[in-house]
């Protein structure tokens, strides 16, 4: 339980820090789209690495329902993150 609390607090701190760095990135590079692409590539690489590691410990369900749910989540997440970066640019 202690590890879960520490990981949760670490995630919260890093999420807050990411907002500050996102705000600094946009004036320097001038594009919320560029920030969206960079962040998605970085998260994609980390996700592939962690998915590969997790395959040793868990099995993922293989079904169309699971696949469609994962794609819907991915599309909505990318849209939400892009919208956030666009809003951050206008503030």
C-alpha atoms as a PDB file:
ATOM      1  CA  UNK A   1       0.000   0.000   0.000  1.00  0.00           C
ATOM      2  CA  UNK A   2       2.859   2.356   0.779  1.00  0.00           C
ATOM      3  CA  UNK A   3       4.266   1.949  -2.741  1.00  0.00           C
ATOM      4  CA  UNK A   4       0.846   2.783  -4.202  1.00  0.00           C
ATOM      5  CA  UNK A   5       0.619   5.998  -2.178  1.00  0.00           C
ATOM      6  CA  UNK A   6       4.147   7.028  -3.151  1.00  0.00           C
ATOM      7  CA  UNK A   7       3.483   6.296  -6.827  1.00  0.00           C
ATOM      8  CA  UNK A   8       0.207   8.242  -6.710  1.00  0.00           C
ATOM      9  CA  UNK A   9       1.817  11.282  -5.099  1.00  0.00           C
ATOM     10  CA  UNK A  10       4.699  11.133  -7.558  1.00  0.00           C
ATOM     11  CA  UNK A  11       2.261  11.010 -10.476  1.00  0.00           C
ATOM     12  CA  UNK A  12       0.365  14.015  -9.106  1.00  0.00           C
ATOM     13  CA  UNK A  13       3.540  16.071  -8.723  1.00  0.00           C
ATOM     14  CA  UNK A  14       4.807  15.135 -12.192  1.00  0.00           C
ATOM     15  CA  UNK A  15       1.411  15.968 -13.737  1.00  0.00           C
ATOM     16  CA  UNK A  16       1.545  19.434 -12.179  1.00  0.00           C
ATOM     17  CA  UNK A  17       5.111  19.953 -13.362  1.00  0.00           C
ATOM     18  CA  UNK A  18       4.104  18.894 -16.879  1.00  0.00           C
ATOM     19  CA  UNK A  19       1.572  21.753 -17.015  1.00  0.00           C
ATOM     20  CA  UNK A  20       4.331  24.251 -16.225  1.00  0.00           C
ATOM     21  CA  UNK A  21       6.639  22.820 -18.906  1.00  0.00           C
ATOM     22  CA  UNK A  22       3.771  22.703 -21.418  1.00  0.00           C
ATOM     23  CA  UNK A  23       3.118  26.363 -20.772  1.00  0.00           C
ATOM     24  CA  UNK A  24       6.803  27.143 -21.343  1.00  0.00           C
ATOM     25  CA  UNK A  25       7.003  25.017 -24.535  1.00  0.00           C
ATOM     26  CA  UNK A  26       4.234  26.761 -26.457  1.00  0.00           C
ATOM     27  CA  UNK A  27       5.665  30.329 -26.458  1.00  0.00           C
ATOM     28  CA  UNK A  28       9.096  29.008 -27.451  1.00  0.00           C
ATOM     29  CA  UNK A  29       7.896  26.827 -30.321  1.00  0.00           C
ATOM     30  CA  UNK A  30       4.599  28.586 -31.073  1.00  0.00           C
ATOM     31  CA  UNK A  31       2.541  25.515 -31.807  1.00  0.00           C
ATOM     32  CA  UNK A  32       0.143  23.506 -29.688  1.00  0.00           C
ATOM     33  CA  UNK A  33       0.079  20.952 -32.507  1.00  0.00           C
ATOM     34  CA  UNK A  34       3.858  20.464 -32.253  1.00  0.00           C
ATOM     35  CA  UNK A  35       3.538  19.939 -28.489  1.00  0.00           C
ATOM     36  CA  UNK A  36       0.743  17.404 -29.047  1.00  0.00           C
ATOM     37  CA  UNK A  37       2.854  15.421 -31.516  1.00  0.00           C
ATOM     38  CA  UNK A  38       5.953  15.469 -29.288  1.00  0.00           C
ATOM     39  CA  UNK A  39       4.030  14.412 -26.197  1.00  0.00           C
ATOM     40  CA  UNK A  40       2.203  11.603 -28.035  1.00  0.00           C
ATOM     41  CA  UNK A  41       5.464  10.233 -29.455  1.00  0.00           C
ATOM     42  CA  UNK A  42       7.126  10.250 -26.026  1.00  0.00           C
ATOM     43  CA  UNK A  43       4.129   8.611 -24.342  1.00  0.00           C
ATOM     44  CA  UNK A  44       3.864   6.085 -27.177  1.00  0.00           C
ATOM     45  CA  UNK A  45       7.482   5.020 -26.799  1.00  0.00           C
ATOM     46  CA  UNK A  46       7.127   4.678 -23.025  1.00  0.00           C
ATOM     47  CA  UNK A  47       3.840   2.800 -23.464  1.00  0.00           C
ATOM     48  CA  UNK A  48       5.403   0.299 -25.852  1.00  0.00           C
ATOM     49  CA  UNK A  49       8.297  -0.284 -23.475  1.00  0.00           C
ATOM     50  CA  UNK A  50       6.012  -0.749 -20.459  1.00  0.00           C
ATOM     51  CA  UNK A  51       3.576  -2.955 -22.404  1.00  0.00           C
ATOM     52  CA  UNK A  52       6.481  -5.184 -23.392  1.00  0.00           C
ATOM     53  CA  UNK A  53       7.613  -5.434 -19.787  1.00  0.00           C
ATOM     54  CA  UNK A  54       4.085  -6.106 -18.517  1.00  0.00           C
ATOM     55  CA  UNK A  55       3.570  -8.997 -20.950  1.00  0.00           C
ATOM     56  CA  UNK A  56       5.807 -11.064 -18.694  1.00  0.00           C
ATOM     57  CA  UNK A  57       3.346 -10.632 -15.818  1.00  0.00           C
ATOM     58  CA  UNK A  58      -0.162 -10.267 -17.275  1.00  0.00           C
ATOM     59  CA  UNK A  59      -2.165 -11.334 -20.294  1.00  0.00           C
ATOM     60  CA  UNK A  60      -4.263  -8.894 -22.269  1.00  0.00           C
ATOM     61  CA  UNK A  61      -7.712  -9.928 -23.465  1.00  0.00           C
ATOM     62  CA  UNK A  62      -7.934 -10.552 -27.197  1.00  0.00           C
ATOM     63  CA  UNK A  63     -11.344  -9.458 -28.408  1.00  0.00           C
ATOM     64  CA  UNK A  64     -12.865  -6.879 -30.712  1.00  0.00           C
ATOM     65  CA  UNK A  65     -14.731  -5.311 -27.814  1.00  0.00           C
ATOM     66  CA  UNK A  66     -11.485  -4.718 -25.917  1.00  0.00           C
ATOM     67  CA  UNK A  67      -9.748  -3.420 -29.056  1.00  0.00           C
ATOM     68  CA  UNK A  68     -12.567  -0.975 -29.910  1.00  0.00           C
ATOM     69  CA  UNK A  69     -12.662   0.264 -26.323  1.00  0.00           C
ATOM     70  CA  UNK A  70      -8.897   0.862 -26.371  1.00  0.00           C
ATOM     71  CA  UNK A  71      -9.125   2.739 -29.708  1.00  0.00           C
ATOM     72  CA  UNK A  72     -12.019   4.880 -28.434  1.00  0.00           C
ATOM     73  CA  UNK A  73     -10.049   5.711 -25.300  1.00  0.00           C
ATOM     74  CA  UNK A  74      -6.966   6.587 -27.348  1.00  0.00           C
ATOM     75  CA  UNK A  75      -8.876   8.889 -29.718  1.00  0.00           C
ATOM     76  CA  UNK A  76     -10.682  10.680 -26.893  1.00  0.00           C
ATOM     77  CA  UNK A  77      -7.433  11.094 -24.940  1.00  0.00           C
ATOM     78  CA  UNK A  78      -5.586  12.598 -27.904  1.00  0.00           C
ATOM     79  CA  UNK A  79      -8.490  14.968 -28.587  1.00  0.00           C
ATOM     80  CA  UNK A  80      -8.634  16.051 -24.943  1.00  0.00           C
ATOM     81  CA  UNK A  81      -4.898  16.602 -24.697  1.00  0.00           C
ATOM     82  CA  UNK A  82      -4.800  18.559 -27.954  1.00  0.00           C
ATOM     83  CA  UNK A  83      -7.712  20.706 -26.768  1.00  0.00           C
ATOM     84  CA  UNK A  84      -5.871  21.386 -23.523  1.00  0.00           C
ATOM     85  CA  UNK A  85      -2.737  22.495 -25.370  1.00  0.00           C
ATOM     86  CA  UNK A  86      -4.763  24.752 -27.672  1.00  0.00           C
ATOM     87  CA  UNK A  87      -6.468  26.312 -24.645  1.00  0.00           C
ATOM     88  CA  UNK A  88      -3.104  26.696 -22.936  1.00  0.00           C
ATOM     89  CA  UNK A  89      -1.799  28.588 -25.959  1.00  0.00           C
ATOM     90  CA  UNK A  90      -4.654  31.110 -25.777  1.00  0.00           C
ATOM     91  CA  UNK A  91      -4.258  31.808 -22.049  1.00  0.00           C
END
